[in-house]
Amino acid sequence: MESLQSRAEELERNLSSAQKELLEMESLQSRAEELEQNLSLAQKELLEIESLRPKWELRNAELFTKNIDLDLEKKDLEDTLTKKKDNLVTA
């Protein structure tokens, strides 16, 4: 009788331990699924960013060119202003 009682207690402990392990495995599986979803979203965002890179590079080149054009125009205006000042001084 004691042997059966002892065996029943051992089986209950084993069952309890197995249930705890099962809960832990389910929790880990849930976390793994969450991480896979996060990875998928991050990969989609990265692809979107990479697809926009050529557009950004082109826009950057356009702005760089525009900046150079504006600098040249500014120098031309400064030269014109200097010449007009010189003409006023000599007149």
PDB file of N, CA and C in Angstrom:
ATOM      1  N   MET A   1       0.822  -1.187   0.000  1.00  0.00           N
ATOM      2  CA  MET A   1       0.000   0.000   0.000  1.00  0.00           C
ATOM      3  C   MET A   1       0.873   1.261   0.000  1.00  0.00           C
ATOM      4  N   GLU A   2       1.899   1.260   0.860  1.00  0.00           N
ATOM      5  CA  GLU A   2       2.806   2.407   0.885  1.00  0.00           C
ATOM      6  C   GLU A   2       3.492   2.573  -0.455  1.00  0.00           C
ATOM      7  N   SER A   3       3.815   1.483  -1.074  1.00  0.00           N
ATOM      8  CA  SER A   3       4.475   1.521  -2.370  1.00  0.00           C
ATOM      9  C   SER A   3       3.568   2.169  -3.413  1.00  0.00           C
ATOM     10  N   LEU A   4       2.294   1.830  -3.389  1.00  0.00           N
ATOM     11  CA  LEU A   4       1.351   2.439  -4.318  1.00  0.00           C
ATOM     12  C   LEU A   4       1.174   3.924  -4.024  1.00  0.00           C
ATOM     13  N   GLN A   5       1.115   4.266  -2.749  1.00  0.00           N
ATOM     14  CA  GLN A   5       0.984   5.668  -2.350  1.00  0.00           C
ATOM     15  C   GLN A   5       2.221   6.446  -2.801  1.00  0.00           C
ATOM     16  N   SER A   6       3.378   5.874  -2.551  1.00  0.00           N
ATOM     17  CA  SER A   6       4.631   6.510  -2.941  1.00  0.00           C
ATOM     18  C   SER A   6       4.694   6.680  -4.458  1.00  0.00           C
ATOM     19  N   ARG A   7       4.286   5.648  -5.172  1.00  0.00           N
ATOM     20  CA  ARG A   7       4.287   5.695  -6.642  1.00  0.00           C
ATOM     21  C   ARG A   7       3.292   6.748  -7.141  1.00  0.00           C
ATOM     22  N   ALA A   8       2.139   6.867  -6.517  1.00  0.00           N
ATOM     23  CA  ALA A   8       1.133   7.860  -6.896  1.00  0.00           C
ATOM     24  C   ALA A   8       1.672   9.270  -6.670  1.00  0.00           C
ATOM     25  N   GLU A   9       2.363   9.479  -5.550  1.00  0.00           N
ATOM     26  CA  GLU A   9       2.945  10.794  -5.264  1.00  0.00           C
ATOM     27  C   GLU A   9       4.028  11.135  -6.284  1.00  0.00           C
ATOM     28  N   GLU A  10       4.825  10.150  -6.630  1.00  0.00           N
ATOM     29  CA  GLU A  10       5.876  10.366  -7.629  1.00  0.00           C
ATOM     30  C   GLU A  10       5.258  10.725  -8.982  1.00  0.00           C
ATOM     31  N   LEU A  11       4.199  10.022  -9.350  1.00  0.00           N
ATOM     32  CA  LEU A  11       3.520  10.312 -10.612  1.00  0.00           C
ATOM     33  C   LEU A  11       2.896  11.705 -10.601  1.00  0.00           C
ATOM     34  N   GLU A  12       2.357  12.116  -9.465  1.00  0.00           N
ATOM     35  CA  GLU A  12       1.790  13.464  -9.347  1.00  0.00           C
ATOM     36  C   GLU A  12       2.876  14.520  -9.509  1.00  0.00           C
ATOM     37  N   ARG A  13       4.036  14.275  -8.884  1.00  0.00           N
ATOM     38  CA  ARG A  13       5.157  15.216  -9.025  1.00  0.00           C
ATOM     39  C   ARG A  13       5.613  15.278 -10.487  1.00  0.00           C
ATOM     40  N   ASN A  14       5.708  14.113 -11.110  1.00  0.00           N
ATOM     41  CA  ASN A  14       6.117  14.071 -12.516  1.00  0.00           C
ATOM     42  C   ASN A  14       5.107  14.794 -13.406  1.00  0.00           C
ATOM     43  N   LEU A  15       3.830  14.597 -13.107  1.00  0.00           N
ATOM     44  CA  LEU A  15       2.777  15.264 -13.870  1.00  0.00           C
ATOM     45  C   LEU A  15       2.863  16.777 -13.685  1.00  0.00           C
ATOM     46  N   SER A  16       3.051  17.202 -12.447  1.00  0.00           N
ATOM     47  CA  SER A  16       3.170  18.628 -12.153  1.00  0.00           C
ATOM     48  C   SER A  16       4.382  19.216 -12.874  1.00  0.00           C
ATOM     49  N   SER A  17       5.486  18.506 -12.829  1.00  0.00           N
ATOM     50  CA  SER A  17       6.699  18.961 -13.505  1.00  0.00           C
ATOM     51  C   SER A  17       6.482  19.035 -15.015  1.00  0.00           C
ATOM     52  N   ALA A  18       5.827  18.033 -15.570  1.00  0.00           N
ATOM     53  CA  ALA A  18       5.555  18.014 -17.009  1.00  0.00           C
ATOM     54  C   ALA A  18       4.631  19.168 -17.400  1.00  0.00           C
ATOM     55  N   GLN A  19       3.640  19.476 -16.557  1.00  0.00           N
ATOM     56  CA  GLN A  19       2.726  20.582 -16.845  1.00  0.00           C
ATOM     57  C   GLN A  19       3.472  21.916 -16.821  1.00  0.00           C
ATOM     58  N   LYS A  20       4.391  22.066 -15.850  1.00  0.00           N
ATOM     59  CA  LYS A  20       5.187  23.296 -15.789  1.00  0.00           C
ATOM     60  C   LYS A  20       6.051  23.434 -17.037  1.00  0.00           C
ATOM     61  N   GLU A  21       6.677  22.335 -17.451  1.00  0.00           N
ATOM     62  CA  GLU A  21       7.506  22.367 -18.653  1.00  0.00           C
ATOM     63  C   GLU A  21       6.671  22.690 -19.886  1.00  0.00           C
ATOM     64  N   LEU A  22       5.470  22.133 -19.947  1.00  0.00           N
ATOM     65  CA  LEU A  22       4.581  22.403 -21.073  1.00  0.00           C
ATOM     66  C   LEU A  22       4.206  23.887 -21.120  1.00  0.00           C
ATOM     67  N   LEU A  23       3.894  24.464 -19.961  1.00  0.00           N
ATOM     68  CA  LEU A  23       3.577  25.897 -19.909  1.00  0.00           C
ATOM     69  C   LEU A  23       4.771  26.734 -20.360  1.00  0.00           C
ATOM     70  N   GLU A  24       5.953  26.350 -19.914  1.00  0.00           N
ATOM     71  CA  GLU A  24       7.164  27.077 -20.301  1.00  0.00           C
ATOM     72  C   GLU A  24       7.393  26.952 -21.813  1.00  0.00           C
ATOM     73  N   MET A  25       7.189  25.759 -22.353  1.00  0.00           N
ATOM     74  CA  MET A  25       7.353  25.554 -23.792  1.00  0.00           C
ATOM     75  C   MET A  25       6.346  26.380 -24.583  1.00  0.00           C
ATOM     76  N   GLU A  26       5.106  26.439 -24.103  1.00  0.00           N
ATOM     77  CA  GLU A  26       4.084  27.240 -24.779  1.00  0.00           C
ATOM     78  C   GLU A  26       4.440  28.722 -24.731  1.00  0.00           C
ATOM     79  N   SER A  27       4.960  29.157 -23.586  1.00  0.00           N
ATOM     80  CA  SER A  27       5.375  30.550 -23.445  1.00  0.00           C
ATOM     81  C   SER A  27       6.526  30.860 -24.404  1.00  0.00           C
ATOM     82  N   LEU A  28       7.497  29.954 -24.478  1.00  0.00           N
ATOM     83  CA  LEU A  28       8.630  30.153 -25.382  1.00  0.00           C
ATOM     84  C   LEU A  28       8.179  30.137 -26.842  1.00  0.00           C
ATOM     85  N   GLN A  29       7.242  29.274 -27.162  1.00  0.00           N
ATOM     86  CA  GLN A  29       6.713  29.210 -28.527  1.00  0.00           C
ATOM     87  C   GLN A  29       6.012  30.518 -28.879  1.00  0.00           C
ATOM     88  N   SER A  30       5.248  31.053 -27.941  1.00  0.00           N
ATOM     89  CA  SER A  30       4.562  32.324 -28.157  1.00  0.00           C
ATOM     90  C   SER A  30       5.581  33.440 -28.378  1.00  0.00           C
ATOM     91  N   ARG A  31       6.624  33.444 -27.568  1.00  0.00           N
ATOM     92  CA  ARG A  31       7.681  34.466 -27.704  1.00  0.00           C
ATOM     93  C   ARG A  31       8.395  34.324 -29.050  1.00  0.00           C
ATOM     94  N   ALA A  32       8.651  33.088 -29.467  1.00  0.00           N
ATOM     95  CA  ALA A  32       9.299  32.852 -30.760  1.00  0.00           C
ATOM     96  C   ALA A  32       8.429  33.377 -31.901  1.00  0.00           C
ATOM     97  N   GLU A  33       7.129  33.149 -31.825  1.00  0.00           N
ATOM     98  CA  GLU A  33       6.212  33.649 -32.854  1.00  0.00           C
ATOM     99  C   GLU A  33       6.205  35.173 -32.883  1.00  0.00           C
ATOM    100  N   GLU A  34       6.225  35.783 -31.706  1.00  0.00           N
ATOM    101  CA  GLU A  34       6.259  37.248 -31.619  1.00  0.00           C
ATOM    102  C   GLU A  34       7.543  37.783 -32.252  1.00  0.00           C
ATOM    103  N   LEU A  35       8.667  37.129 -31.950  1.00  0.00           N
ATOM    104  CA  LEU A  35       9.944  37.561 -32.520  1.00  0.00           C
ATOM    105  C   LEU A  35       9.964  37.378 -34.040  1.00  0.00           C
ATOM    106  N   GLU A  36       9.363  36.308 -34.527  1.00  0.00           N
ATOM    107  CA  GLU A  36       9.287  36.092 -35.974  1.00  0.00           C
ATOM    108  C   GLU A  36       8.458  37.185 -36.643  1.00  0.00           C
ATOM    109  N   GLN A  37       7.370  37.600 -35.998  1.00  0.00           N
ATOM    110  CA  GLN A  37       6.548  38.687 -36.543  1.00  0.00           C
ATOM    111  C   GLN A  37       7.342  39.989 -36.561  1.00  0.00           C
ATOM    112  N   ASN A  38       8.074  40.256 -35.475  1.00  0.00           N
ATOM    113  CA  ASN A  38       8.892  41.469 -35.416  1.00  0.00           C
ATOM    114  C   ASN A  38       9.961  41.457 -36.502  1.00  0.00           C
ATOM    115  N   LEU A  39      10.578  40.300 -36.701  1.00  0.00           N
ATOM    116  CA  LEU A  39      11.593  40.167 -37.740  1.00  0.00           C
ATOM    117  C   LEU A  39      10.989  40.421 -39.114  1.00  0.00           C
ATOM    118  N   SER A  40       9.823  39.869 -39.349  1.00  0.00           N
ATOM    119  CA  SER A  40       9.152  40.056 -40.634  1.00  0.00           C
ATOM    120  C   SER A  40       8.846  41.536 -40.876  1.00  0.00           C
ATOM    121  N   LEU A  41       8.347  42.214 -39.854  1.00  0.00           N
ATOM    122  CA  LEU A  41       8.055  43.652 -39.987  1.00  0.00           C
ATOM    123  C   LEU A  41       9.326  44.450 -40.241  1.00  0.00           C
ATOM    124  N   ALA A  42      10.386  44.119 -39.520  1.00  0.00           N
ATOM    125  CA  ALA A  42      11.657  44.824 -39.702  1.00  0.00           C
ATOM    126  C   ALA A  42      12.197  44.607 -41.114  1.00  0.00           C
ATOM    127  N   GLN A  43      12.077  43.392 -41.634  1.00  0.00           N
ATOM    128  CA  GLN A  43      12.543  43.112 -42.992  1.00  0.00           C
ATOM    129  C   GLN A  43      11.731  43.893 -44.016  1.00  0.00           C
ATOM    130  N   LYS A  44      10.425  44.000 -43.811  1.00  0.00           N
ATOM    131  CA  LYS A  44       9.581  44.777 -44.725  1.00  0.00           C
ATOM    132  C   LYS A  44       9.984  46.250 -44.706  1.00  0.00           C
ATOM    133  N   GLU A  45      10.221  46.782 -43.508  1.00  0.00           N
ATOM    134  CA  GLU A  45      10.620  48.185 -43.393  1.00  0.00           C
ATOM    135  C   GLU A  45      11.971  48.416 -44.059  1.00  0.00           C
ATOM    136  N   LEU A  46      12.888  47.476 -43.878  1.00  0.00           N
ATOM    137  CA  LEU A  46      14.203  47.594 -44.497  1.00  0.00           C
ATOM    138  C   LEU A  46      14.089  47.586 -46.020  1.00  0.00           C
ATOM    139  N   LEU A  47      13.255  46.716 -46.555  1.00  0.00           N
ATOM    140  CA  LEU A  47      13.042  46.682 -48.005  1.00  0.00           C
ATOM    141  C   LEU A  47      12.462  48.006 -48.501  1.00  0.00           C
ATOM    142  N   GLU A  48      11.536  48.570 -47.733  1.00  0.00           N
ATOM    143  CA  GLU A  48      10.943  49.854 -48.118  1.00  0.00           C
ATOM    144  C   GLU A  48      11.996  50.958 -48.115  1.00  0.00           C
ATOM    145  N   ILE A  49      12.822  50.965 -47.084  1.00  0.00           N
ATOM    146  CA  ILE A  49      13.890  51.970 -47.001  1.00  0.00           C
ATOM    147  C   ILE A  49      14.853  51.811 -48.169  1.00  0.00           C
ATOM    148  N   GLU A  50      15.242  50.573 -48.449  1.00  0.00           N
ATOM    149  CA  GLU A  50      16.165  50.320 -49.552  1.00  0.00           C
ATOM    150  C   GLU A  50      15.554  50.727 -50.892  1.00  0.00           C
ATOM    151  N   SER A  51      14.255  50.539 -51.050  1.00  0.00           N
ATOM    152  CA  SER A  51      13.609  50.922 -52.310  1.00  0.00           C
ATOM    153  C   SER A  51      13.563  52.444 -52.463  1.00  0.00           C
ATOM    154  N   LEU A  52      13.575  53.168 -51.347  1.00  0.00           N
ATOM    155  CA  LEU A  52      13.536  54.630 -51.404  1.00  0.00           C
ATOM    156  C   LEU A  52      14.920  55.254 -51.570  1.00  0.00           C
ATOM    157  N   ARG A  53      15.965  54.474 -51.310  1.00  0.00           N
ATOM    158  CA  ARG A  53      17.328  55.011 -51.358  1.00  0.00           C
ATOM    159  C   ARG A  53      17.656  55.702 -52.684  1.00  0.00           C
ATOM    160  N   PRO A  54      17.386  55.083 -53.846  1.00  0.00           N
ATOM    161  CA  PRO A  54      17.712  55.771 -55.106  1.00  0.00           C
ATOM    162  C   PRO A  54      16.999  57.118 -55.243  1.00  0.00           C
ATOM    163  N   LYS A  55      15.752  57.175 -54.797  1.00  0.00           N
ATOM    164  CA  LYS A  55      15.001  58.437 -54.859  1.00  0.00           C
ATOM    165  C   LYS A  55      15.670  59.494 -53.977  1.00  0.00           C
ATOM    166  N   TRP A  56      16.078  59.083 -52.760  1.00  0.00           N
ATOM    167  CA  TRP A  56      16.738  60.030 -51.855  1.00  0.00           C
ATOM    168  C   TRP A  56      18.080  60.484 -52.422  1.00  0.00           C
ATOM    169  N   GLU A  57      18.815  59.552 -53.028  1.00  0.00           N
ATOM    170  CA  GLU A  57      20.112  59.909 -53.595  1.00  0.00           C
ATOM    171  C   GLU A  57      19.940  60.892 -54.749  1.00  0.00           C
ATOM    172  N   LEU A  58      18.931  60.660 -55.587  1.00  0.00           N
ATOM    173  CA  LEU A  58      18.658  61.576 -56.691  1.00  0.00           C
ATOM    174  C   LEU A  58      18.272  62.950 -56.161  1.00  0.00           C
ATOM    175  N   ARG A  59      17.408  62.978 -55.160  1.00  0.00           N
ATOM    176  CA  ARG A  59      16.980  64.257 -54.575  1.00  0.00           C
ATOM    177  C   ARG A  59      18.172  64.987 -53.957  1.00  0.00           C
ATOM    178  N   ASN A  60      19.050  64.245 -53.308  1.00  0.00           N
ATOM    179  CA  ASN A  60      20.241  64.845 -52.714  1.00  0.00           C
ATOM    180  C   ASN A  60      21.127  65.461 -53.798  1.00  0.00           C
ATOM    181  N   ALA A  61      21.298  64.745 -54.908  1.00  0.00           N
ATOM    182  CA  ALA A  61      22.097  65.271 -56.015  1.00  0.00           C
ATOM    183  C   ALA A  61      21.450  66.527 -56.598  1.00  0.00           C
ATOM    184  N   GLU A  62      20.124  66.505 -56.743  1.00  0.00           N
ATOM    185  CA  GLU A  62      19.411  67.682 -57.256  1.00  0.00           C
ATOM    186  C   GLU A  62      19.605  68.881 -56.336  1.00  0.00           C
ATOM    187  N   LEU A  63      19.494  68.655 -55.034  1.00  0.00           N
ATOM    188  CA  LEU A  63      19.667  69.753 -54.078  1.00  0.00           C
ATOM    189  C   LEU A  63      21.104  70.256 -54.064  1.00  0.00           C
ATOM    190  N   PHE A  64      22.052  69.347 -54.206  1.00  0.00           N
ATOM    191  CA  PHE A  64      23.463  69.737 -54.249  1.00  0.00           C
ATOM    192  C   PHE A  64      23.707  70.640 -55.462  1.00  0.00           C
ATOM    193  N   THR A  65      23.166  70.231 -56.609  1.00  0.00           N
ATOM    194  CA  THR A  65      23.311  71.027 -57.829  1.00  0.00           C
ATOM    195  C   THR A  65      22.632  72.385 -57.673  1.00  0.00           C
ATOM    196  N   LYS A  66      21.443  72.388 -57.107  1.00  0.00           N
ATOM    197  CA  LYS A  66      20.719  73.642 -56.884  1.00  0.00           C
ATOM    198  C   LYS A  66      21.515  74.565 -55.959  1.00  0.00           C
ATOM    199  N   ASN A  67      22.137  73.993 -54.945  1.00  0.00           N
ATOM    200  CA  ASN A  67      22.938  74.779 -54.016  1.00  0.00           C
ATOM    201  C   ASN A  67      24.125  75.424 -54.736  1.00  0.00           C
ATOM    202  N   ILE A  68      24.774  74.658 -55.606  1.00  0.00           N
ATOM    203  CA  ILE A  68      25.892  75.214 -56.377  1.00  0.00           C
ATOM    204  C   ILE A  68      25.395  76.344 -57.274  1.00  0.00           C
ATOM    205  N   ASP A  69      24.257  76.107 -57.944  1.00  0.00           N
ATOM    206  CA  ASP A  69      23.681  77.149 -58.806  1.00  0.00           C
ATOM    207  C   ASP A  69      23.376  78.417 -58.014  1.00  0.00           C
ATOM    208  N   LEU A  70      22.823  78.256 -56.832  1.00  0.00           N
ATOM    209  CA  LEU A  70      22.503  79.423 -55.999  1.00  0.00           C
ATOM    210  C   LEU A  70      23.766  80.137 -55.536  1.00  0.00           C
ATOM    211  N   ASP A  71      24.803  79.381 -55.211  1.00  0.00           N
ATOM    212  CA  ASP A  71      26.075  80.002 -54.827  1.00  0.00           C
ATOM    213  C   ASP A  71      26.655  80.815 -55.981  1.00  0.00           C
ATOM    214  N   LEU A  72      26.603  80.259 -57.191  1.00  0.00           N
ATOM    215  CA  LEU A  72      27.107  80.987 -58.364  1.00  0.00           C
ATOM    216  C   LEU A  72      26.281  82.242 -58.620  1.00  0.00           C
ATOM    217  N   GLU A  73      24.974  82.121 -58.487  1.00  0.00           N
ATOM    218  CA  GLU A  73      24.097  83.279 -58.673  1.00  0.00           C
ATOM    219  C   GLU A  73      24.390  84.348 -57.624  1.00  0.00           C
ATOM    220  N   LYS A  74      24.636  83.920 -56.397  1.00  0.00           N
ATOM    221  CA  LYS A  74      24.961  84.861 -55.320  1.00  0.00           C
ATOM    222  C   LYS A  74      26.257  85.599 -55.643  1.00  0.00           C
ATOM    223  N   LYS A  75      27.256  84.868 -56.126  1.00  0.00           N
ATOM    224  CA  LYS A  75      28.533  85.517 -56.469  1.00  0.00           C
ATOM    225  C   LYS A  75      28.348  86.504 -57.610  1.00  0.00           C
ATOM    226  N   ASP A  76      27.541  86.123 -58.602  1.00  0.00           N
ATOM    227  CA  ASP A  76      27.263  87.045 -59.708  1.00  0.00           C
ATOM    228  C   ASP A  76      26.590  88.317 -59.201  1.00  0.00           C
ATOM    229  N   LEU A  77      25.619  88.157 -58.303  1.00  0.00           N
ATOM    230  CA  LEU A  77      24.939  89.330 -57.738  1.00  0.00           C
ATOM    231  C   LEU A  77      25.897  90.185 -56.918  1.00  0.00           C
ATOM    232  N   GLU A  78      26.778  89.531 -56.159  1.00  0.00           N
ATOM    233  CA  GLU A  78      27.764  90.287 -55.383  1.00  0.00           C
ATOM    234  C   GLU A  78      28.710  91.048 -56.305  1.00  0.00           C
ATOM    235  N   ASP A  79      29.133  90.405 -57.398  1.00  0.00           N
ATOM    236  CA  ASP A  79      30.009  91.081 -58.364  1.00  0.00           C
ATOM    237  C   ASP A  79      29.298  92.273 -58.995  1.00  0.00           C
ATOM    238  N   THR A  80      28.031  92.075 -59.355  1.00  0.00           N
ATOM    239  CA  THR A  80      27.247  93.160 -59.948  1.00  0.00           C
ATOM    240  C   THR A  80      27.104  94.311 -58.961  1.00  0.00           C
ATOM    241  N   LEU A  81      26.838  93.986 -57.701  1.00  0.00           N
ATOM    242  CA  LEU A  81      26.705  95.014 -56.674  1.00  0.00           C
ATOM    243  C   LEU A  81      28.023  95.759 -56.485  1.00  0.00           C
ATOM    244  N   THR A  82      29.116  95.041 -56.479  1.00  0.00           N
ATOM    245  CA  THR A  82      30.433  95.671 -56.324  1.00  0.00           C
ATOM    246  C   THR A  82      30.709  96.617 -57.488  1.00  0.00           C
ATOM    247  N   LYS A  83      30.398  96.189 -58.705  1.00  0.00           N
ATOM    248  CA  LYS A  83      30.615  97.037 -59.883  1.00  0.00           C
ATOM    249  C   LYS A  83      29.756  98.290 -59.806  1.00  0.00           C
ATOM    250  N   LYS A  84      28.515  98.141 -59.384  1.00  0.00           N
ATOM    251  CA  LYS A  84      27.633  99.305 -59.279  1.00  0.00           C
ATOM    252  C   LYS A  84      28.137 100.269 -58.215  1.00  0.00           C
ATOM    253  N   LYS A  85      28.662  99.727 -57.107  1.00  0.00           N
ATOM    254  CA  LYS A  85      29.221 100.590 -56.058  1.00  0.00           C
ATOM    255  C   LYS A  85      30.440 101.334 -56.593  1.00  0.00           C
ATOM    256  N   ASP A  86      31.288 100.603 -57.335  1.00  0.00           N
ATOM    257  CA  ASP A  86      32.478 101.230 -57.913  1.00  0.00           C
ATOM    258  C   ASP A  86      32.084 102.337 -58.885  1.00  0.00           C
ATOM    259  N   ASN A  87      31.047 102.083 -59.681  1.00  0.00           N
ATOM    260  CA  ASN A  87      30.580 103.096 -60.634  1.00  0.00           C
ATOM    261  C   ASN A  87      30.049 104.327 -59.913  1.00  0.00           C
ATOM    262  N   LEU A  88      29.365 104.119 -58.790  1.00  0.00           N
ATOM    263  CA  LEU A  88      28.850 105.254 -58.029  1.00  0.00           C
ATOM    264  C   LEU A  88      29.986 106.060 -57.415  1.00  0.00           C
ATOM    265  N   VAL A  89      31.023 105.364 -56.963  1.00  0.00           N
ATOM    266  CA  VAL A  89      32.148 106.046 -56.330  1.00  0.00           C
ATOM    267  C   VAL A  89      32.920 106.859 -57.369  1.00  0.00           C
ATOM    268  N   THR A  90      33.102 106.301 -58.551  1.00  0.00           N
ATOM    269  CA  THR A  90      33.876 106.997 -59.580  1.00  0.00           C
ATOM    270  C   THR A  90      33.058 108.042 -60.327  1.00  0.00           C
ATOM    271  N   ALA A  91      31.769 108.013 -60.172  1.00  0.00           N
ATOM    272  CA  ALA A  91      30.933 108.958 -60.912  1.00  0.00           C
ATOM    273  C   ALA A  91      30.850 110.293 -60.239  1.00  0.00           C
TER     274      ALA A  91
END
